[in-house]
Amino acid sequence: MASSEQVRASHILIKHDGSRRKASWKDPDGRRISATTRDNAVAQLKALRDDILAGKTRFDDVASRFSDCSSAKRGGDLGPFGRGQMQKPFEDATFGLKVGEISDIIDTDSGVHIILRTA
């Protein structure tokens, strides 16, 4: 049953060799993605998350530079969404965050993410 409750979030997606689609806006042939293991993707994302949490860089700047999602062009902003619109692990993580909070690493069929809940 769909809920009228909505959240808004930004995310950083790193695709890897286990991702369901091996291409992205910045790697259209999927060469880099196919050569990236899940462990390497997680390590990269953890380092980026650490830099954001330490105040060394901003979430939107990192998303713009490193995210494999086309939302990178908007600093990772996905806009508002409700239940049933995203993959379940992503949705559960986002709805579980407080506004302004950044998730740990979240695994989906698309790859690994960190999520910033913005509303």
PDB file of N, CA and C in Angstrom:
ATOM      1  N   MET A   1       0.844  -1.185   0.000  1.00  0.00           N
ATOM      2  CA  MET A   1       0.000   0.000   0.000  1.00  0.00           C
ATOM      3  C   MET A   1       0.884   1.240   0.000  1.00  0.00           C
ATOM      4  N   ALA A   2       0.665   2.135  -0.910  1.00  0.00           N
ATOM      5  CA  ALA A   2       1.495   3.330  -1.028  1.00  0.00           C
ATOM      6  C   ALA A   2       1.152   4.321   0.081  1.00  0.00           C
ATOM      7  N   SER A   3       2.167   4.966   0.565  1.00  0.00           N
ATOM      8  CA  SER A   3       2.002   5.962   1.624  1.00  0.00           C
ATOM      9  C   SER A   3       2.140   7.345   1.006  1.00  0.00           C
ATOM     10  N   SER A   4       1.470   8.320   1.591  1.00  0.00           N
ATOM     11  CA  SER A   4       1.597   9.686   1.094  1.00  0.00           C
ATOM     12  C   SER A   4       2.852  10.346   1.657  1.00  0.00           C
ATOM     13  N   GLU A   5       3.497   9.695   2.627  1.00  0.00           N
ATOM     14  CA  GLU A   5       4.725  10.242   3.200  1.00  0.00           C
ATOM     15  C   GLU A   5       5.826  10.263   2.149  1.00  0.00           C
ATOM     16  N   GLN A   6       6.502  11.399   2.059  1.00  0.00           N
ATOM     17  CA  GLN A   6       7.605  11.525   1.113  1.00  0.00           C
ATOM     18  C   GLN A   6       8.856  11.997   1.836  1.00  0.00           C
ATOM     19  N   VAL A   7       9.980  11.632   1.261  1.00  0.00           N
ATOM     20  CA  VAL A   7      11.276  12.114   1.717  1.00  0.00           C
ATOM     21  C   VAL A   7      11.973  12.726   0.512  1.00  0.00           C
ATOM     22  N   ARG A   8      13.046  13.410   0.775  1.00  0.00           N
ATOM     23  CA  ARG A   8      13.895  13.904  -0.304  1.00  0.00           C
ATOM     24  C   ARG A   8      15.318  13.539   0.080  1.00  0.00           C
ATOM     25  N   ALA A   9      16.078  13.106  -0.912  1.00  0.00           N
ATOM     26  CA  ALA A   9      17.432  12.669  -0.621  1.00  0.00           C
ATOM     27  C   ALA A   9      18.356  12.912  -1.804  1.00  0.00           C
ATOM     28  N   SER A  10      19.628  12.944  -1.475  1.00  0.00           N
ATOM     29  CA  SER A  10      20.692  12.932  -2.474  1.00  0.00           C
ATOM     30  C   SER A  10      21.499  11.668  -2.217  1.00  0.00           C
ATOM     31  N   HIS A  11      22.191  11.204  -3.234  1.00  0.00           N
ATOM     32  CA  HIS A  11      23.004  10.009  -3.018  1.00  0.00           C
ATOM     33  C   HIS A  11      24.234  10.033  -3.904  1.00  0.00           C
ATOM     34  N   ILE A  12      25.167   9.182  -3.547  1.00  0.00           N
ATOM     35  CA  ILE A  12      26.351   8.922  -4.360  1.00  0.00           C
ATOM     36  C   ILE A  12      26.324   7.428  -4.639  1.00  0.00           C
ATOM     37  N   LEU A  13      26.331   7.069  -5.902  1.00  0.00           N
ATOM     38  CA  LEU A  13      26.296   5.679  -6.344  1.00  0.00           C
ATOM     39  C   LEU A  13      27.626   5.322  -6.979  1.00  0.00           C
ATOM     40  N   ILE A  14      28.208   4.218  -6.513  1.00  0.00           N
ATOM     41  CA  ILE A  14      29.376   3.657  -7.177  1.00  0.00           C
ATOM     42  C   ILE A  14      28.960   2.279  -7.692  1.00  0.00           C
ATOM     43  N   LYS A  15      28.981   2.141  -9.013  1.00  0.00           N
ATOM     44  CA  LYS A  15      28.639   0.858  -9.630  1.00  0.00           C
ATOM     45  C   LYS A  15      29.874  -0.044  -9.621  1.00  0.00           C
ATOM     46  N   HIS A  16      29.620  -1.358  -9.714  1.00  0.00           N
ATOM     47  CA  HIS A  16      30.715  -2.328  -9.713  1.00  0.00           C
ATOM     48  C   HIS A  16      30.359  -3.511 -10.606  1.00  0.00           C
ATOM     49  N   ASP A  17      31.251  -4.480 -10.667  1.00  0.00           N
ATOM     50  CA  ASP A  17      31.061  -5.605 -11.584  1.00  0.00           C
ATOM     51  C   ASP A  17      29.806  -6.424 -11.303  1.00  0.00           C
ATOM     52  N   GLY A  18      29.215  -6.281 -10.117  1.00  0.00           N
ATOM     53  CA  GLY A  18      27.981  -6.983  -9.787  1.00  0.00           C
ATOM     54  C   GLY A  18      26.722  -6.155  -9.987  1.00  0.00           C
ATOM     55  N   SER A  19      26.879  -4.920 -10.436  1.00  0.00           N
ATOM     56  CA  SER A  19      25.717  -4.049 -10.652  1.00  0.00           C
ATOM     57  C   SER A  19      24.880  -4.554 -11.816  1.00  0.00           C
ATOM     58  N   ARG A  20      23.577  -4.324 -11.739  1.00  0.00           N
ATOM     59  CA  ARG A  20      22.687  -4.850 -12.788  1.00  0.00           C
ATOM     60  C   ARG A  20      22.929  -4.186 -14.138  1.00  0.00           C
ATOM     61  N   ARG A  21      23.324  -2.930 -14.151  1.00  0.00           N
ATOM     62  CA  ARG A  21      23.695  -2.259 -15.406  1.00  0.00           C
ATOM     63  C   ARG A  21      25.133  -1.790 -15.271  1.00  0.00           C
ATOM     64  N   LYS A  22      25.948  -2.162 -16.256  1.00  0.00           N
ATOM     65  CA  LYS A  22      27.384  -1.882 -16.168  1.00  0.00           C
ATOM     66  C   LYS A  22      27.780  -0.612 -16.927  1.00  0.00           C
ATOM     67  N   ALA A  23      26.841   0.287 -17.115  1.00  0.00           N
ATOM     68  CA  ALA A  23      27.154   1.542 -17.796  1.00  0.00           C
ATOM     69  C   ALA A  23      26.578   2.687 -16.969  1.00  0.00           C
ATOM     70  N   SER A  24      27.153   3.854 -17.147  1.00  0.00           N
ATOM     71  CA  SER A  24      26.633   5.043 -16.476  1.00  0.00           C
ATOM     72  C   SER A  24      26.871   6.244 -17.373  1.00  0.00           C
ATOM     73  N   TRP A  25      26.361   7.378 -16.934  1.00  0.00           N
ATOM     74  CA  TRP A  25      26.513   8.599 -17.727  1.00  0.00           C
ATOM     75  C   TRP A  25      27.985   8.937 -17.942  1.00  0.00           C
ATOM     76  N   LYS A  26      28.865   8.565 -17.003  1.00  0.00           N
ATOM     77  CA  LYS A  26      30.275   8.908 -17.160  1.00  0.00           C
ATOM     78  C   LYS A  26      31.131   7.728 -17.630  1.00  0.00           C
ATOM     79  N   ASP A  27      30.525   6.549 -17.725  1.00  0.00           N
ATOM     80  CA  ASP A  27      31.213   5.351 -18.212  1.00  0.00           C
ATOM     81  C   ASP A  27      30.261   4.596 -19.139  1.00  0.00           C
ATOM     82  N   PRO A  28      29.924   5.201 -20.292  1.00  0.00           N
ATOM     83  CA  PRO A  28      28.887   4.640 -21.151  1.00  0.00           C
ATOM     84  C   PRO A  28      29.187   3.226 -21.661  1.00  0.00           C
ATOM     85  N   ASP A  29      30.448   2.883 -21.806  1.00  0.00           N
ATOM     86  CA  ASP A  29      30.807   1.540 -22.264  1.00  0.00           C
ATOM     87  C   ASP A  29      30.933   0.550 -21.105  1.00  0.00           C
ATOM     88  N   GLY A  30      30.916   1.053 -19.877  1.00  0.00           N
ATOM     89  CA  GLY A  30      30.983   0.200 -18.708  1.00  0.00           C
ATOM     90  C   GLY A  30      32.338  -0.437 -18.456  1.00  0.00           C
ATOM     91  N   ARG A  31      33.381   0.078 -19.073  1.00  0.00           N
ATOM     92  CA  ARG A  31      34.715  -0.518 -18.901  1.00  0.00           C
ATOM     93  C   ARG A  31      35.216  -0.387 -17.464  1.00  0.00           C
ATOM     94  N   ARG A  32      35.129   0.809 -16.920  1.00  0.00           N
ATOM     95  CA  ARG A  32      35.596   1.039 -15.547  1.00  0.00           C
ATOM     96  C   ARG A  32      34.722   0.274 -14.563  1.00  0.00           C
ATOM     97  N   ILE A  33      33.416   0.317 -14.766  1.00  0.00           N
ATOM     98  CA  ILE A  33      32.485  -0.357 -13.852  1.00  0.00           C
ATOM     99  C   ILE A  33      32.743  -1.866 -13.854  1.00  0.00           C
ATOM    100  N   SER A  34      32.909  -2.450 -15.021  1.00  0.00           N
ATOM    101  CA  SER A  34      33.146  -3.894 -15.120  1.00  0.00           C
ATOM    102  C   SER A  34      34.461  -4.307 -14.466  1.00  0.00           C
ATOM    103  N   ALA A  35      35.406  -3.370 -14.378  1.00  0.00           N
ATOM    104  CA  ALA A  35      36.713  -3.667 -13.768  1.00  0.00           C
ATOM    105  C   ALA A  35      36.745  -3.335 -12.276  1.00  0.00           C
ATOM    106  N   THR A  36      35.646  -2.841 -11.722  1.00  0.00           N
ATOM    107  CA  THR A  36      35.582  -2.456 -10.315  1.00  0.00           C
ATOM    108  C   THR A  36      34.885  -3.550  -9.513  1.00  0.00           C
ATOM    109  N   THR A  37      35.562  -4.070  -8.500  1.00  0.00           N
ATOM    110  CA  THR A  37      34.924  -5.061  -7.634  1.00  0.00           C
ATOM    111  C   THR A  37      34.028  -4.347  -6.631  1.00  0.00           C
ATOM    112  N   ARG A  38      33.115  -5.087  -6.027  1.00  0.00           N
ATOM    113  CA  ARG A  38      32.263  -4.517  -4.988  1.00  0.00           C
ATOM    114  C   ARG A  38      33.124  -3.985  -3.845  1.00  0.00           C
ATOM    115  N   ASP A  39      34.143  -4.750  -3.443  1.00  0.00           N
ATOM    116  CA  ASP A  39      35.018  -4.319  -2.349  1.00  0.00           C
ATOM    117  C   ASP A  39      35.717  -3.002  -2.675  1.00  0.00           C
ATOM    118  N   ASN A  40      36.169  -2.847  -3.925  1.00  0.00           N
ATOM    119  CA  ASN A  40      36.807  -1.586  -4.326  1.00  0.00           C
ATOM    120  C   ASN A  40      35.807  -0.432  -4.317  1.00  0.00           C
ATOM    121  N   ALA A  41      34.589  -0.705  -4.765  1.00  0.00           N
ATOM    122  CA  ALA A  41      33.546   0.328  -4.772  1.00  0.00           C
ATOM    123  C   ALA A  41      33.228   0.765  -3.342  1.00  0.00           C
ATOM    124  N   VAL A  42      33.112  -0.209  -2.435  1.00  0.00           N
ATOM    125  CA  VAL A  42      32.838   0.099  -1.026  1.00  0.00           C
ATOM    126  C   VAL A  42      33.981   0.908  -0.425  1.00  0.00           C
ATOM    127  N   ALA A  43      35.209   0.520  -0.700  1.00  0.00           N
ATOM    128  CA  ALA A  43      36.374   1.239  -0.156  1.00  0.00           C
ATOM    129  C   ALA A  43      36.393   2.687  -0.652  1.00  0.00           C
ATOM    130  N   GLN A  44      36.107   2.885  -1.936  1.00  0.00           N
ATOM    131  CA  GLN A  44      36.068   4.240  -2.485  1.00  0.00           C
ATOM    132  C   GLN A  44      34.968   5.057  -1.808  1.00  0.00           C
ATOM    133  N   LEU A  45      33.811   4.464  -1.660  1.00  0.00           N
ATOM    134  CA  LEU A  45      32.674   5.163  -1.065  1.00  0.00           C
ATOM    135  C   LEU A  45      32.930   5.485   0.413  1.00  0.00           C
ATOM    136  N   LYS A  46      33.549   4.564   1.138  1.00  0.00           N
ATOM    137  CA  LYS A  46      33.882   4.814   2.547  1.00  0.00           C
ATOM    138  C   LYS A  46      34.839   5.988   2.674  1.00  0.00           C
ATOM    139  N   ALA A  47      35.843   6.049   1.801  1.00  0.00           N
ATOM    140  CA  ALA A  47      36.799   7.160   1.833  1.00  0.00           C
ATOM    141  C   ALA A  47      36.101   8.488   1.528  1.00  0.00           C
ATOM    142  N   LEU A  48      35.202   8.488   0.553  1.00  0.00           N
ATOM    143  CA  LEU A  48      34.457   9.704   0.216  1.00  0.00           C
ATOM    144  C   LEU A  48      33.560  10.126   1.383  1.00  0.00           C
ATOM    145  N   ARG A  49      32.894   9.148   2.000  1.00  0.00           N
ATOM    146  CA  ARG A  49      32.019   9.434   3.151  1.00  0.00           C
ATOM    147  C   ARG A  49      32.833  10.029   4.300  1.00  0.00           C
ATOM    148  N   ASP A  50      33.994   9.445   4.568  1.00  0.00           N
ATOM    149  CA  ASP A  50      34.865   9.953   5.643  1.00  0.00           C
ATOM    150  C   ASP A  50      35.252  11.410   5.391  1.00  0.00           C
ATOM    151  N   ASP A  51      35.591  11.735   4.141  1.00  0.00           N
ATOM    152  CA  ASP A  51      35.960  13.120   3.791  1.00  0.00           C
ATOM    153  C   ASP A  51      34.781  14.072   3.986  1.00  0.00           C
ATOM    154  N   ILE A  52      33.586  13.625   3.632  1.00  0.00           N
ATOM    155  CA  ILE A  52      32.392  14.464   3.813  1.00  0.00           C
ATOM    156  C   ILE A  52      32.137  14.689   5.304  1.00  0.00           C
ATOM    157  N   LEU A  53      32.162  13.609   6.084  1.00  0.00           N
ATOM    158  CA  LEU A  53      31.898  13.719   7.524  1.00  0.00           C
ATOM    159  C   LEU A  53      32.955  14.544   8.242  1.00  0.00           C
ATOM    160  N   ALA A  54      34.195  14.523   7.738  1.00  0.00           N
ATOM    161  CA  ALA A  54      35.282  15.301   8.338  1.00  0.00           C
ATOM    162  C   ALA A  54      35.248  16.768   7.915  1.00  0.00           C
ATOM    163  N   GLY A  55      34.332  17.101   6.995  1.00  0.00           N
ATOM    164  CA  GLY A  55      34.217  18.484   6.539  1.00  0.00           C
ATOM    165  C   GLY A  55      35.247  18.871   5.494  1.00  0.00           C
ATOM    166  N   LYS A  56      35.940  17.881   4.921  1.00  0.00           N
ATOM    167  CA  LYS A  56      36.960  18.171   3.910  1.00  0.00           C
ATOM    168  C   LYS A  56      36.351  18.506   2.557  1.00  0.00           C
ATOM    169  N   THR A  57      35.114  18.067   2.342  1.00  0.00           N
ATOM    170  CA  THR A  57      34.435  18.305   1.080  1.00  0.00           C
ATOM    171  C   THR A  57      32.926  18.261   1.313  1.00  0.00           C
ATOM    172  N   ARG A  58      32.178  18.736   0.347  1.00  0.00           N
ATOM    173  CA  ARG A  58      30.717  18.755   0.475  1.00  0.00           C
ATOM    174  C   ARG A  58      30.103  17.583  -0.280  1.00  0.00           C
ATOM    175  N   PHE A  59      28.985  17.088   0.241  1.00  0.00           N
ATOM    176  CA  PHE A  59      28.295  15.943  -0.353  1.00  0.00           C
ATOM    177  C   PHE A  59      27.995  16.191  -1.823  1.00  0.00           C
ATOM    178  N   ASP A  60      27.425  17.366  -2.142  1.00  0.00           N
ATOM    179  CA  ASP A  60      27.028  17.628  -3.531  1.00  0.00           C
ATOM    180  C   ASP A  60      28.230  17.701  -4.472  1.00  0.00           C
ATOM    181  N   ASP A  61      29.361  18.209  -3.972  1.00  0.00           N
ATOM    182  CA  ASP A  61      30.567  18.253  -4.807  1.00  0.00           C
ATOM    183  C   ASP A  61      31.077  16.844  -5.111  1.00  0.00           C
ATOM    184  N   VAL A  62      31.074  15.983  -4.089  1.00  0.00           N
ATOM    185  CA  VAL A  62      31.518  14.607  -4.271  1.00  0.00           C
ATOM    186  C   VAL A  62      30.577  13.873  -5.227  1.00  0.00           C
ATOM    187  N   ALA A  63      29.279  14.056  -5.033  1.00  0.00           N
ATOM    188  CA  ALA A  63      28.302  13.416  -5.915  1.00  0.00           C
ATOM    189  C   ALA A  63      28.530  13.841  -7.369  1.00  0.00           C
ATOM    190  N   SER A  64      28.727  15.125  -7.582  1.00  0.00           N
ATOM    191  CA  SER A  64      28.924  15.647  -8.941  1.00  0.00           C
ATOM    192  C   SER A  64      30.145  15.025  -9.612  1.00  0.00           C
ATOM    193  N   ARG A  65      31.183  14.761  -8.835  1.00  0.00           N
ATOM    194  CA  ARG A  65      32.435  14.248  -9.388  1.00  0.00           C
ATOM    195  C   ARG A  65      32.492  12.724  -9.488  1.00  0.00           C
ATOM    196  N   PHE A  66      31.890  12.022  -8.536  1.00  0.00           N
ATOM    197  CA  PHE A  66      32.144  10.585  -8.432  1.00  0.00           C
ATOM    198  C   PHE A  66      30.938   9.671  -8.649  1.00  0.00           C
ATOM    199  N   SER A  67      29.720  10.185  -8.521  1.00  0.00           N
ATOM    200  CA  SER A  67      28.553   9.305  -8.599  1.00  0.00           C
ATOM    201  C   SER A  67      28.326   8.786 -10.011  1.00  0.00           C
ATOM    202  N   ASP A  68      27.967   7.497 -10.103  1.00  0.00           N
ATOM    203  CA  ASP A  68      27.634   6.893 -11.388  1.00  0.00           C
ATOM    204  C   ASP A  68      26.181   7.123 -11.781  1.00  0.00           C
ATOM    205  N   CYS A  69      25.402   7.762 -10.925  1.00  0.00           N
ATOM    206  CA  CYS A  69      24.005   8.058 -11.240  1.00  0.00           C
ATOM    207  C   CYS A  69      23.935   9.397 -11.977  1.00  0.00           C
ATOM    208  N   SER A  70      23.000   9.505 -12.904  1.00  0.00           N
ATOM    209  CA  SER A  70      22.844  10.770 -13.634  1.00  0.00           C
ATOM    210  C   SER A  70      22.417  11.913 -12.711  1.00  0.00           C
ATOM    211  N   SER A  71      21.961  11.594 -11.482  1.00  0.00           N
ATOM    212  CA  SER A  71      21.645  12.642 -10.508  1.00  0.00           C
ATOM    213  C   SER A  71      22.901  13.419 -10.113  1.00  0.00           C
ATOM    214  N   ALA A  72      24.068  12.917 -10.481  1.00  0.00           N
ATOM    215  CA  ALA A  72      25.327  13.625 -10.208  1.00  0.00           C
ATOM    216  C   ALA A  72      25.276  15.041 -10.786  1.00  0.00           C
ATOM    217  N   LYS A  73      24.575  15.195 -11.893  1.00  0.00           N
ATOM    218  CA  LYS A  73      24.471  16.513 -12.537  1.00  0.00           C
ATOM    219  C   LYS A  73      23.693  17.498 -11.674  1.00  0.00           C
ATOM    220  N   ARG A  74      22.993  16.987 -10.650  1.00  0.00           N
ATOM    221  CA  ARG A  74      22.252  17.826  -9.698  1.00  0.00           C
ATOM    222  C   ARG A  74      22.833  17.681  -8.292  1.00  0.00           C
ATOM    223  N   GLY A  75      24.103  17.341  -8.202  1.00  0.00           N
ATOM    224  CA  GLY A  75      24.746  17.165  -6.898  1.00  0.00           C
ATOM    225  C   GLY A  75      24.220  15.953  -6.148  1.00  0.00           C
ATOM    226  N   GLY A  76      23.666  14.996  -6.894  1.00  0.00           N
ATOM    227  CA  GLY A  76      23.144  13.775  -6.292  1.00  0.00           C
ATOM    228  C   GLY A  76      21.676  13.841  -5.913  1.00  0.00           C
ATOM    229  N   ASP A  77      21.046  14.990  -6.104  1.00  0.00           N
ATOM    230  CA  ASP A  77      19.648  15.182  -5.683  1.00  0.00           C
ATOM    231  C   ASP A  77      18.696  14.302  -6.484  1.00  0.00           C
ATOM    232  N   LEU A  78      17.915  13.490  -5.774  1.00  0.00           N
ATOM    233  CA  LEU A  78      16.921  12.622  -6.404  1.00  0.00           C
ATOM    234  C   LEU A  78      15.528  13.221  -6.375  1.00  0.00           C
ATOM    235  N   GLY A  79      15.369  14.345  -5.677  1.00  0.00           N
ATOM    236  CA  GLY A  79      14.041  14.930  -5.540  1.00  0.00           C
ATOM    237  C   GLY A  79      13.219  14.145  -4.532  1.00  0.00           C
ATOM    238  N   PRO A  80      11.954  14.534  -4.345  1.00  0.00           N
ATOM    239  CA  PRO A  80      11.099  13.838  -3.379  1.00  0.00           C
ATOM    240  C   PRO A  80      10.610  12.496  -3.927  1.00  0.00           C
ATOM    241  N   PHE A  81      10.460  11.537  -3.027  1.00  0.00           N
ATOM    242  CA  PHE A  81       9.900  10.244  -3.406  1.00  0.00           C
ATOM    243  C   PHE A  81       9.222   9.602  -2.205  1.00  0.00           C
ATOM    244  N   GLY A  82       8.292   8.723  -2.504  1.00  0.00           N
ATOM    245  CA  GLY A  82       7.561   8.009  -1.467  1.00  0.00           C
ATOM    246  C   GLY A  82       7.920   6.537  -1.458  1.00  0.00           C
ATOM    247  N   ARG A  83       7.249   5.813  -0.608  1.00  0.00           N
ATOM    248  CA  ARG A  83       7.456   4.362  -0.515  1.00  0.00           C
ATOM    249  C   ARG A  83       7.071   3.692  -1.830  1.00  0.00           C
ATOM    250  N   GLY A  84       7.837   2.679  -2.187  1.00  0.00           N
ATOM    251  CA  GLY A  84       7.545   1.917  -3.393  1.00  0.00           C
ATOM    252  C   GLY A  84       8.139   2.492  -4.664  1.00  0.00           C
ATOM    253  N   GLN A  85       8.912   3.571  -4.569  1.00  0.00           N
ATOM    254  CA  GLN A  85       9.475   4.195  -5.764  1.00  0.00           C
ATOM    255  C   GLN A  85      10.953   3.877  -5.979  1.00  0.00           C
ATOM    256  N   MET A  86      11.618   3.417  -4.936  1.00  0.00           N
ATOM    257  CA  MET A  86      13.045   3.095  -5.012  1.00  0.00           C
ATOM    258  C   MET A  86      13.232   1.631  -4.636  1.00  0.00           C
ATOM    259  N   GLN A  87      14.428   1.112  -4.896  1.00  0.00           N
ATOM    260  CA  GLN A  87      14.724  -0.247  -4.456  1.00  0.00           C
ATOM    261  C   GLN A  87      14.605  -0.310  -2.931  1.00  0.00           C
ATOM    262  N   LYS A  88      14.091  -1.406  -2.427  1.00  0.00           N
ATOM    263  CA  LYS A  88      13.743  -1.543  -1.005  1.00  0.00           C
ATOM    264  C   LYS A  88      14.884  -1.178  -0.048  1.00  0.00           C
ATOM    265  N   PRO A  89      16.109  -1.687  -0.236  1.00  0.00           N
ATOM    266  CA  PRO A  89      17.169  -1.314   0.713  1.00  0.00           C
ATOM    267  C   PRO A  89      17.437   0.195   0.733  1.00  0.00           C
ATOM    268  N   PHE A  90      17.357   0.824  -0.450  1.00  0.00           N
ATOM    269  CA  PHE A  90      17.573   2.266  -0.564  1.00  0.00           C
ATOM    270  C   PHE A  90      16.449   3.009   0.150  1.00  0.00           C
ATOM    271  N   GLU A  91      15.228   2.597  -0.126  1.00  0.00           N
ATOM    272  CA  GLU A  91      14.047   3.217   0.487  1.00  0.00           C
ATOM    273  C   GLU A  91      14.095   3.085   2.015  1.00  0.00           C
ATOM    274  N   ASP A  92      14.337   1.875   2.500  1.00  0.00           N
ATOM    275  CA  ASP A  92      14.378   1.647   3.953  1.00  0.00           C
ATOM    276  C   ASP A  92      15.440   2.515   4.620  1.00  0.00           C
ATOM    277  N   ALA A  93      16.609   2.589   3.999  1.00  0.00           N
ATOM    278  CA  ALA A  93      17.690   3.405   4.566  1.00  0.00           C
ATOM    279  C   ALA A  93      17.307   4.877   4.599  1.00  0.00           C
ATOM    280  N   THR A  94      16.744   5.371   3.503  1.00  0.00           N
ATOM    281  CA  THR A  94      16.387   6.795   3.422  1.00  0.00           C
ATOM    282  C   THR A  94      15.319   7.159   4.447  1.00  0.00           C
ATOM    283  N   PHE A  95      14.268   6.361   4.531  1.00  0.00           N
ATOM    284  CA  PHE A  95      13.203   6.648   5.487  1.00  0.00           C
ATOM    285  C   PHE A  95      13.695   6.507   6.929  1.00  0.00           C
ATOM    286  N   GLY A  96      14.774   5.759   7.145  1.00  0.00           N
ATOM    287  CA  GLY A  96      15.325   5.582   8.480  1.00  0.00           C
ATOM    288  C   GLY A  96      16.270   6.688   8.921  1.00  0.00           C
ATOM    289  N   LEU A  97      16.649   7.561   7.993  1.00  0.00           N
ATOM    290  CA  LEU A  97      17.559   8.663   8.313  1.00  0.00           C
ATOM    291  C   LEU A  97      16.794   9.874   8.821  1.00  0.00           C
ATOM    292  N   LYS A  98      17.459  10.676   9.640  1.00  0.00           N
ATOM    293  CA  LYS A  98      16.935  11.992  10.004  1.00  0.00           C
ATOM    294  C   LYS A  98      17.403  12.973   8.933  1.00  0.00           C
ATOM    295  N   VAL A  99      16.693  14.074   8.769  1.00  0.00           N
ATOM    296  CA  VAL A  99      17.097  15.106   7.819  1.00  0.00           C
ATOM    297  C   VAL A  99      18.511  15.580   8.187  1.00  0.00           C
ATOM    298  N   GLY A 100      19.389  15.602   7.182  1.00  0.00           N
ATOM    299  CA  GLY A 100      20.767  16.021   7.383  1.00  0.00           C
ATOM    300  C   GLY A 100      21.721  14.874   7.712  1.00  0.00           C
ATOM    301  N   GLU A 101      21.182  13.686   7.914  1.00  0.00           N
ATOM    302  CA  GLU A 101      22.000  12.526   8.268  1.00  0.00           C
ATOM    303  C   GLU A 101      22.461  11.794   7.001  1.00  0.00           C
ATOM    304  N   ILE A 102      23.661  11.219   7.073  1.00  0.00           N
ATOM    305  CA  ILE A 102      24.239  10.467   5.966  1.00  0.00           C
ATOM    306  C   ILE A 102      24.284   8.994   6.355  1.00  0.00           C
ATOM    307  N   SER A 103      23.844   8.155   5.455  1.00  0.00           N
ATOM    308  CA  SER A 103      23.792   6.711   5.710  1.00  0.00           C
ATOM    309  C   SER A 103      25.181   6.089   5.702  1.00  0.00           C
ATOM    310  N   ASP A 104      25.230   4.857   6.195  1.00  0.00           N
ATOM    311  CA  ASP A 104      26.378   3.998   5.958  1.00  0.00           C
ATOM    312  C   ASP A 104      26.269   3.506   4.516  1.00  0.00           C
ATOM    313  N   ILE A 105      27.105   2.576   4.126  1.00  0.00           N
ATOM    314  CA  ILE A 105      27.069   2.009   2.784  1.00  0.00           C
ATOM    315  C   ILE A 105      25.786   1.180   2.622  1.00  0.00           C
ATOM    316  N   ILE A 106      25.056   1.438   1.548  1.00  0.00           N
ATOM    317  CA  ILE A 106      23.817   0.721   1.253  1.00  0.00           C
ATOM    318  C   ILE A 106      24.003  -0.035  -0.062  1.00  0.00           C
ATOM    319  N   ASP A 107      23.744  -1.330  -0.033  1.00  0.00           N
ATOM    320  CA  ASP A 107      23.831  -2.183  -1.217  1.00  0.00           C
ATOM    321  C   ASP A 107      22.485  -2.285  -1.905  1.00  0.00           C
ATOM    322  N   THR A 108      22.460  -2.084  -3.224  1.00  0.00           N
ATOM    323  CA  THR A 108      21.270  -2.362  -4.031  1.00  0.00           C
ATOM    324  C   THR A 108      21.727  -3.072  -5.299  1.00  0.00           C
ATOM    325  N   ASP A 109      20.775  -3.461  -6.118  1.00  0.00           N
ATOM    326  CA  ASP A 109      21.111  -4.073  -7.403  1.00  0.00           C
ATOM    327  C   ASP A 109      21.860  -3.099  -8.319  1.00  0.00           C
ATOM    328  N   SER A 110      21.747  -1.809  -8.040  1.00  0.00           N
ATOM    329  CA  SER A 110      22.405  -0.803  -8.877  1.00  0.00           C
ATOM    330  C   SER A 110      23.883  -0.619  -8.516  1.00  0.00           C
ATOM    331  N   GLY A 111      24.239  -0.923  -7.272  1.00  0.00           N
ATOM    332  CA  GLY A 111      25.608  -0.721  -6.811  1.00  0.00           C
ATOM    333  C   GLY A 111      25.590  -0.386  -5.328  1.00  0.00           C
ATOM    334  N   VAL A 112      26.599   0.341  -4.886  1.00  0.00           N
ATOM    335  CA  VAL A 112      26.664   0.764  -3.486  1.00  0.00           C
ATOM    336  C   VAL A 112      26.460   2.280  -3.414  1.00  0.00           C
ATOM    337  N   HIS A 113      25.784   2.705  -2.350  1.00  0.00           N
ATOM    338  CA  HIS A 113      25.403   4.114  -2.211  1.00  0.00           C
ATOM    339  C   HIS A 113      25.729   4.612  -0.820  1.00  0.00           C
ATOM    340  N   ILE A 114      25.870   5.926  -0.717  1.00  0.00           N
ATOM    341  CA  ILE A 114      25.641   6.637   0.549  1.00  0.00           C
ATOM    342  C   ILE A 114      24.540   7.638   0.243  1.00  0.00           C
ATOM    343  N   ILE A 115      23.701   7.845   1.245  1.00  0.00           N
ATOM    344  CA  ILE A 115      22.499   8.657   1.071  1.00  0.00           C
ATOM    345  C   ILE A 115      22.510   9.789   2.083  1.00  0.00           C
ATOM    346  N   LEU A 116      22.167  10.981   1.629  1.00  0.00           N
ATOM    347  CA  LEU A 116      21.961  12.150   2.491  1.00  0.00           C
ATOM    348  C   LEU A 116      20.491  12.498   2.426  1.00  0.00           C
ATOM    349  N   ARG A 117      19.806  12.373   3.549  1.00  0.00           N
ATOM    350  CA  ARG A 117      18.394  12.777   3.558  1.00  0.00           C
ATOM    351  C   ARG A 117      18.335  14.292   3.690  1.00  0.00           C
ATOM    352  N   THR A 118      17.615  14.924   2.773  1.00  0.00           N
ATOM    353  CA  THR A 118      17.562  16.384   2.725  1.00  0.00           C
ATOM    354  C   THR A 118      16.198  16.941   3.146  1.00  0.00           C
ATOM    355  N   ALA A 119      15.157  16.120   3.188  1.00  0.00           N
ATOM    356  CA  ALA A 119      13.845  16.568   3.651  1.00  0.00           C
ATOM    357  C   ALA A 119      12.999  15.372   4.009  1.00  0.00           C
TER     358      ALA A 119
END
